[in-house]
Amino acid sequence: MRKESGQVTSAKAVTSTDTDSDPILPAQLMPRCPACGQPEALVWVHGHGQCAHCHMNVMPCCDGAVCDPS
């Protein structure tokens, strides 16, 4: 705490006015990889999403879709 010209100010009282930043989720609320349990960080490789930690396919590219040639 500082005292300036008769006023007491506290560093805790200063708040940010930046409203353009994205909120950061706590690690407990972030989606997690079903294989290793780490907070989900997807890396897209050849059309499917892999976990950045264990490299397990988390988001398959087609989910078993069948091509209809007609």
PDB file of N, CA and C in Angstrom:
ATOM      1  N   MET A   1       0.843  -1.175   0.000  1.00  0.00           N
ATOM      2  CA  MET A   1       0.000   0.000   0.000  1.00  0.00           C
ATOM      3  C   MET A   1       0.884   1.231   0.000  1.00  0.00           C
ATOM      4  N   ARG A   2       0.467   2.239  -0.731  1.00  0.00           N
ATOM      5  CA  ARG A   2       1.210   3.483  -0.791  1.00  0.00           C
ATOM      6  C   ARG A   2       0.307   4.623  -0.377  1.00  0.00           C
ATOM      7  N   LYS A   3       0.913   5.645   0.124  1.00  0.00           N
ATOM      8  CA  LYS A   3       0.146   6.827   0.502  1.00  0.00           C
ATOM      9  C   LYS A   3       0.645   7.980  -0.356  1.00  0.00           C
ATOM     10  N   GLU A   4      -0.239   8.507  -1.211  1.00  0.00           N
ATOM     11  CA  GLU A   4       0.121   9.605  -2.100  1.00  0.00           C
ATOM     12  C   GLU A   4      -0.850  10.746  -1.886  1.00  0.00           C
ATOM     13  N   SER A   5      -0.340  11.893  -1.532  1.00  0.00           N
ATOM     14  CA  SER A   5      -1.127  13.125  -1.343  1.00  0.00           C
ATOM     15  C   SER A   5      -2.404  12.883  -0.546  1.00  0.00           C
ATOM     16  N   GLY A   6      -2.266  12.191   0.577  1.00  0.00           N
ATOM     17  CA  GLY A   6      -3.407  12.002   1.457  1.00  0.00           C
ATOM     18  C   GLY A   6      -4.305  10.835   1.090  1.00  0.00           C
ATOM     19  N   GLN A   7      -4.023  10.130  -0.005  1.00  0.00           N
ATOM     20  CA  GLN A   7      -4.854   8.998  -0.409  1.00  0.00           C
ATOM     21  C   GLN A   7      -4.056   7.709  -0.270  1.00  0.00           C
ATOM     22  N   VAL A   8      -4.700   6.692   0.183  1.00  0.00           N
ATOM     23  CA  VAL A   8      -4.066   5.383   0.287  1.00  0.00           C
ATOM     24  C   VAL A   8      -4.499   4.576  -0.923  1.00  0.00           C
ATOM     25  N   THR A   9      -3.525   4.043  -1.660  1.00  0.00           N
ATOM     26  CA  THR A   9      -3.836   3.228  -2.832  1.00  0.00           C
ATOM     27  C   THR A   9      -3.307   1.826  -2.613  1.00  0.00           C
ATOM     28  N   SER A  10      -3.949   0.887  -3.214  1.00  0.00           N
ATOM     29  CA  SER A  10      -3.547  -0.509  -3.099  1.00  0.00           C
ATOM     30  C   SER A  10      -3.385  -1.082  -4.492  1.00  0.00           C
ATOM     31  N   ALA A  11      -2.368  -1.893  -4.704  1.00  0.00           N
ATOM     32  CA  ALA A  11      -2.159  -2.520  -6.006  1.00  0.00           C
ATOM     33  C   ALA A  11      -3.298  -3.470  -6.345  1.00  0.00           C
ATOM     34  N   LYS A  12      -3.953  -4.041  -5.334  1.00  0.00           N
ATOM     35  CA  LYS A  12      -5.061  -4.962  -5.574  1.00  0.00           C
ATOM     36  C   LYS A  12      -6.289  -4.244  -6.119  1.00  0.00           C
ATOM     37  N   ALA A  13      -6.396  -2.947  -5.886  1.00  0.00           N
ATOM     38  CA  ALA A  13      -7.566  -2.198  -6.324  1.00  0.00           C
ATOM     39  C   ALA A  13      -7.509  -1.865  -7.807  1.00  0.00           C
ATOM     40  N   VAL A  14      -6.350  -2.009  -8.427  1.00  0.00           N
ATOM     41  CA  VAL A  14      -6.205  -1.694  -9.844  1.00  0.00           C
ATOM     42  C   VAL A  14      -6.756  -2.855 -10.652  1.00  0.00           C
ATOM     43  N   THR A  15      -7.658  -2.552 -11.589  1.00  0.00           N
ATOM     44  CA  THR A  15      -8.241  -3.595 -12.423  1.00  0.00           C
ATOM     45  C   THR A  15      -7.941  -3.308 -13.877  1.00  0.00           C
ATOM     46  N   SER A  16      -7.945  -4.336 -14.677  1.00  0.00           N
ATOM     47  CA  SER A  16      -7.688  -4.204 -16.100  1.00  0.00           C
ATOM     48  C   SER A  16      -8.968  -3.813 -16.820  1.00  0.00           C
ATOM     49  N   THR A  17      -8.827  -2.953 -17.819  1.00  0.00           N
ATOM     50  CA  THR A  17      -9.985  -2.555 -18.621  1.00  0.00           C
ATOM     51  C   THR A  17      -9.944  -3.203 -19.994  1.00  0.00           C
ATOM     52  N   ASP A  18      -9.059  -4.158 -20.187  1.00  0.00           N
ATOM     53  CA  ASP A  18      -8.932  -4.837 -21.471  1.00  0.00           C
ATOM     54  C   ASP A  18     -10.069  -5.843 -21.617  1.00  0.00           C
ATOM     55  N   THR A  19     -11.056  -5.518 -22.461  1.00  0.00           N
ATOM     56  CA  THR A  19     -12.206  -6.409 -22.647  1.00  0.00           C
ATOM     57  C   THR A  19     -12.086  -7.236 -23.912  1.00  0.00           C
ATOM     58  N   ASP A  20     -11.011  -7.044 -24.699  1.00  0.00           N
ATOM     59  CA  ASP A  20     -10.849  -7.778 -25.944  1.00  0.00           C
ATOM     60  C   ASP A  20     -10.170  -9.129 -25.760  1.00  0.00           C
ATOM     61  N   SER A  21      -9.602  -9.390 -24.598  1.00  0.00           N
ATOM     62  CA  SER A  21      -8.885 -10.643 -24.398  1.00  0.00           C
ATOM     63  C   SER A  21      -9.875 -11.781 -24.158  1.00  0.00           C
ATOM     64  N   ASP A  22      -9.484 -12.977 -24.596  1.00  0.00           N
ATOM     65  CA  ASP A  22     -10.313 -14.164 -24.401  1.00  0.00           C
ATOM     66  C   ASP A  22     -10.177 -14.639 -22.963  1.00  0.00           C
ATOM     67  N   PRO A  23     -11.265 -15.125 -22.372  1.00  0.00           N
ATOM     68  CA  PRO A  23     -11.151 -15.654 -21.015  1.00  0.00           C
ATOM     69  C   PRO A  23     -10.336 -16.943 -21.031  1.00  0.00           C
ATOM     70  N   ILE A  24      -9.543 -17.150 -20.013  1.00  0.00           N
ATOM     71  CA  ILE A  24      -8.729 -18.357 -19.899  1.00  0.00           C
ATOM     72  C   ILE A  24      -9.425 -19.291 -18.919  1.00  0.00           C
ATOM     73  N   LEU A  25      -9.713 -20.496 -19.384  1.00  0.00           N
ATOM     74  CA  LEU A  25     -10.389 -21.473 -18.535  1.00  0.00           C
ATOM     75  C   LEU A  25      -9.400 -22.108 -17.571  1.00  0.00           C
ATOM     76  N   PRO A  26      -9.812 -22.324 -16.335  1.00  0.00           N
ATOM     77  CA  PRO A  26      -8.956 -23.076 -15.413  1.00  0.00           C
ATOM     78  C   PRO A  26      -8.771 -24.499 -15.929  1.00  0.00           C
ATOM     79  N   ALA A  27      -7.666 -25.115 -15.586  1.00  0.00           N
ATOM     80  CA  ALA A  27      -7.356 -26.464 -16.075  1.00  0.00           C
ATOM     81  C   ALA A  27      -8.435 -27.472 -15.695  1.00  0.00           C
ATOM     82  N   GLN A  28      -9.149 -27.261 -14.577  1.00  0.00           N
ATOM     83  CA  GLN A  28     -10.184 -28.198 -14.149  1.00  0.00           C
ATOM     84  C   GLN A  28     -11.385 -28.174 -15.090  1.00  0.00           C
ATOM     85  N   LEU A  29     -11.627 -27.066 -15.801  1.00  0.00           N
ATOM     86  CA  LEU A  29     -12.799 -26.944 -16.665  1.00  0.00           C
ATOM     87  C   LEU A  29     -12.498 -27.255 -18.124  1.00  0.00           C
ATOM     88  N   MET A  30     -11.229 -27.386 -18.479  1.00  0.00           N
ATOM     89  CA  MET A  30     -10.864 -27.646 -19.870  1.00  0.00           C
ATOM     90  C   MET A  30     -11.180 -29.089 -20.238  1.00  0.00           C
ATOM     91  N   PRO A  31     -11.577 -29.335 -21.498  1.00  0.00           N
ATOM     92  CA  PRO A  31     -11.765 -30.723 -21.934  1.00  0.00           C
ATOM     93  C   PRO A  31     -10.439 -31.474 -21.837  1.00  0.00           C
ATOM     94  N   ARG A  32     -10.509 -32.764 -21.554  1.00  0.00           N
ATOM     95  CA  ARG A  32      -9.294 -33.560 -21.373  1.00  0.00           C
ATOM     96  C   ARG A  32      -9.245 -34.695 -22.388  1.00  0.00           C
ATOM     97  N   CYS A  33      -8.044 -35.095 -22.724  1.00  0.00           N
ATOM     98  CA  CYS A  33      -7.832 -36.224 -23.631  1.00  0.00           C
ATOM     99  C   CYS A  33      -8.350 -37.490 -22.950  1.00  0.00           C
ATOM    100  N   PRO A  34      -9.170 -38.296 -23.637  1.00  0.00           N
ATOM    101  CA  PRO A  34      -9.684 -39.517 -23.016  1.00  0.00           C
ATOM    102  C   PRO A  34      -8.602 -40.576 -22.790  1.00  0.00           C
ATOM    103  N   ALA A  35      -7.482 -40.489 -23.494  1.00  0.00           N
ATOM    104  CA  ALA A  35      -6.424 -41.493 -23.352  1.00  0.00           C
ATOM    105  C   ALA A  35      -5.448 -41.173 -22.225  1.00  0.00           C
ATOM    106  N   CYS A  36      -4.941 -39.922 -22.180  1.00  0.00           N
ATOM    107  CA  CYS A  36      -3.899 -39.607 -21.193  1.00  0.00           C
ATOM    108  C   CYS A  36      -4.370 -38.670 -20.084  1.00  0.00           C
ATOM    109  N   GLY A  37      -5.517 -38.013 -20.246  1.00  0.00           N
ATOM    110  CA  GLY A  37      -6.059 -37.149 -19.208  1.00  0.00           C
ATOM    111  C   GLY A  37      -5.486 -35.747 -19.172  1.00  0.00           C
ATOM    112  N   GLN A  38      -4.565 -35.428 -20.059  1.00  0.00           N
ATOM    113  CA  GLN A  38      -3.996 -34.079 -20.103  1.00  0.00           C
ATOM    114  C   GLN A  38      -5.035 -33.108 -20.669  1.00  0.00           C
ATOM    115  N   PRO A  39      -4.950 -31.804 -20.311  1.00  0.00           N
ATOM    116  CA  PRO A  39      -5.861 -30.830 -20.928  1.00  0.00           C
ATOM    117  C   PRO A  39      -5.752 -30.922 -22.447  1.00  0.00           C
ATOM    118  N   GLU A  40      -6.906 -30.934 -23.095  1.00  0.00           N
ATOM    119  CA  GLU A  40      -6.960 -31.190 -24.530  1.00  0.00           C
ATOM    120  C   GLU A  40      -6.297 -30.080 -25.328  1.00  0.00           C
ATOM    121  N   ALA A  41      -5.302 -30.456 -26.102  1.00  0.00           N
ATOM    122  CA  ALA A  41      -4.640 -29.564 -27.045  1.00  0.00           C
ATOM    123  C   ALA A  41      -4.543 -30.348 -28.344  1.00  0.00           C
ATOM    124  N   LEU A  42      -5.459 -30.078 -29.273  1.00  0.00           N
ATOM    125  CA  LEU A  42      -5.511 -30.856 -30.503  1.00  0.00           C
ATOM    126  C   LEU A  42      -4.520 -30.344 -31.530  1.00  0.00           C
ATOM    127  N   VAL A  43      -3.890 -31.298 -32.217  1.00  0.00           N
ATOM    128  CA  VAL A  43      -3.028 -31.016 -33.351  1.00  0.00           C
ATOM    129  C   VAL A  43      -3.685 -31.720 -34.529  1.00  0.00           C
ATOM    130  N   TRP A  44      -3.962 -30.968 -35.602  1.00  0.00           N
ATOM    131  CA  TRP A  44      -4.651 -31.548 -36.756  1.00  0.00           C
ATOM    132  C   TRP A  44      -3.627 -32.122 -37.724  1.00  0.00           C
ATOM    133  N   VAL A  45      -3.743 -33.452 -37.999  1.00  0.00           N
ATOM    134  CA  VAL A  45      -2.818 -34.159 -38.874  1.00  0.00           C
ATOM    135  C   VAL A  45      -3.633 -34.955 -39.885  1.00  0.00           C
ATOM    136  N   HIS A  46      -3.476 -34.661 -41.162  1.00  0.00           N
ATOM    137  CA  HIS A  46      -4.146 -35.392 -42.242  1.00  0.00           C
ATOM    138  C   HIS A  46      -5.650 -35.519 -42.021  1.00  0.00           C
ATOM    139  N   GLY A  47      -6.298 -34.495 -41.512  1.00  0.00           N
ATOM    140  CA  GLY A  47      -7.746 -34.482 -41.369  1.00  0.00           C
ATOM    141  C   GLY A  47      -8.287 -35.002 -40.049  1.00  0.00           C
ATOM    142  N   HIS A  48      -7.441 -35.465 -39.157  1.00  0.00           N
ATOM    143  CA  HIS A  48      -7.935 -35.906 -37.848  1.00  0.00           C
ATOM    144  C   HIS A  48      -7.166 -35.196 -36.740  1.00  0.00           C
ATOM    145  N   GLY A  49      -7.827 -35.071 -35.589  1.00  0.00           N
ATOM    146  CA  GLY A  49      -7.215 -34.381 -34.456  1.00  0.00           C
ATOM    147  C   GLY A  49      -6.496 -35.343 -33.532  1.00  0.00           C
ATOM    148  N   GLN A  50      -5.246 -35.032 -33.203  1.00  0.00           N
ATOM    149  CA  GLN A  50      -4.462 -35.843 -32.277  1.00  0.00           C
ATOM    150  C   GLN A  50      -4.195 -35.054 -31.008  1.00  0.00           C
ATOM    151  N   CYS A  51      -4.085 -35.755 -29.884  1.00  0.00           N
ATOM    152  CA  CYS A  51      -3.672 -35.141 -28.628  1.00  0.00           C
ATOM    153  C   CYS A  51      -2.216 -34.713 -28.775  1.00  0.00           C
ATOM    154  N   ALA A  52      -1.898 -33.497 -28.364  1.00  0.00           N
ATOM    155  CA  ALA A  52      -0.532 -32.991 -28.474  1.00  0.00           C
ATOM    156  C   ALA A  52       0.414 -33.698 -27.506  1.00  0.00           C
ATOM    157  N   HIS A  53      -0.118 -34.364 -26.477  1.00  0.00           N
ATOM    158  CA  HIS A  53       0.732 -35.009 -25.472  1.00  0.00           C
ATOM    159  C   HIS A  53       1.018 -36.473 -25.803  1.00  0.00           C
ATOM    160  N   CYS A  54      -0.040 -37.255 -26.080  1.00  0.00           N
ATOM    161  CA  CYS A  54       0.153 -38.696 -26.294  1.00  0.00           C
ATOM    162  C   CYS A  54      -0.020 -39.110 -27.758  1.00  0.00           C
ATOM    163  N   HIS A  55      -0.409 -38.204 -28.628  1.00  0.00           N
ATOM    164  CA  HIS A  55      -0.588 -38.427 -30.071  1.00  0.00           C
ATOM    165  C   HIS A  55      -1.690 -39.427 -30.400  1.00  0.00           C
ATOM    166  N   MET A  56      -2.629 -39.634 -29.488  1.00  0.00           N
ATOM    167  CA  MET A  56      -3.781 -40.509 -29.729  1.00  0.00           C
ATOM    168  C   MET A  56      -4.773 -39.772 -30.622  1.00  0.00           C
ATOM    169  N   ASN A  57      -5.413 -40.478 -31.573  1.00  0.00           N
ATOM    170  CA  ASN A  57      -6.445 -39.867 -32.409  1.00  0.00           C
ATOM    171  C   ASN A  57      -7.670 -39.586 -31.551  1.00  0.00           C
ATOM    172  N   VAL A  58      -7.968 -38.319 -31.342  1.00  0.00           N
ATOM    173  CA  VAL A  58      -9.094 -37.912 -30.511  1.00  0.00           C
ATOM    174  C   VAL A  58     -10.295 -37.560 -31.381  1.00  0.00           C
ATOM    175  N   MET A  59     -10.055 -36.982 -32.544  1.00  0.00           N
ATOM    176  CA  MET A  59     -11.121 -36.591 -33.474  1.00  0.00           C
ATOM    177  C   MET A  59     -10.875 -37.301 -34.802  1.00  0.00           C
ATOM    178  N   PRO A  60     -11.546 -38.451 -35.053  1.00  0.00           N
ATOM    179  CA  PRO A  60     -11.347 -39.168 -36.314  1.00  0.00           C
ATOM    180  C   PRO A  60     -11.767 -38.316 -37.505  1.00  0.00           C
ATOM    181  N   CYS A  61     -11.202 -38.621 -38.656  1.00  0.00           N
ATOM    182  CA  CYS A  61     -11.474 -37.801 -39.833  1.00  0.00           C
ATOM    183  C   CYS A  61     -12.858 -38.053 -40.420  1.00  0.00           C
ATOM    184  N   CYS A  62     -13.389 -39.270 -40.345  1.00  0.00           N
ATOM    185  CA  CYS A  62     -14.669 -39.524 -41.007  1.00  0.00           C
ATOM    186  C   CYS A  62     -15.704 -40.208 -40.117  1.00  0.00           C
ATOM    187  N   ASP A  63     -15.344 -40.724 -38.984  1.00  0.00           N
ATOM    188  CA  ASP A  63     -16.260 -41.425 -38.074  1.00  0.00           C
ATOM    189  C   ASP A  63     -16.996 -42.579 -38.750  1.00  0.00           C
ATOM    190  N   GLY A  64     -16.374 -43.231 -39.731  1.00  0.00           N
ATOM    191  CA  GLY A  64     -16.978 -44.391 -40.377  1.00  0.00           C
ATOM    192  C   GLY A  64     -17.977 -44.066 -41.471  1.00  0.00           C
ATOM    193  N   ALA A  65     -17.960 -42.857 -41.988  1.00  0.00           N
ATOM    194  CA  ALA A  65     -18.877 -42.481 -43.065  1.00  0.00           C
ATOM    195  C   ALA A  65     -18.581 -43.317 -44.308  1.00  0.00           C
ATOM    196  N   VAL A  66     -19.631 -43.647 -45.063  1.00  0.00           N
ATOM    197  CA  VAL A  66     -19.502 -44.455 -46.268  1.00  0.00           C
ATOM    198  C   VAL A  66     -19.705 -43.564 -47.483  1.00  0.00           C
ATOM    199  N   CYS A  67     -18.849 -43.734 -48.472  1.00  0.00           N
ATOM    200  CA  CYS A  67     -18.952 -42.955 -49.706  1.00  0.00           C
ATOM    201  C   CYS A  67     -20.096 -43.503 -50.557  1.00  0.00           C
ATOM    202  N   ASP A  68     -20.960 -42.630 -51.027  1.00  0.00           N
ATOM    203  CA  ASP A  68     -22.067 -43.015 -51.901  1.00  0.00           C
ATOM    204  C   ASP A  68     -21.724 -42.553 -53.314  1.00  0.00           C
ATOM    205  N   PRO A  69     -21.294 -43.467 -54.205  1.00  0.00           N
ATOM    206  CA  PRO A  69     -20.843 -43.068 -55.545  1.00  0.00           C
ATOM    207  C   PRO A  69     -21.964 -42.565 -56.460  1.00  0.00           C
ATOM    208  N   SER A  70     -23.222 -42.813 -56.143  1.00  0.00           N
ATOM    209  CA  SER A  70     -24.298 -42.388 -57.053  1.00  0.00           C
ATOM    210  C   SER A  70     -24.727 -40.969 -56.862  1.00  0.00           C
TER     211      SER A  70
END
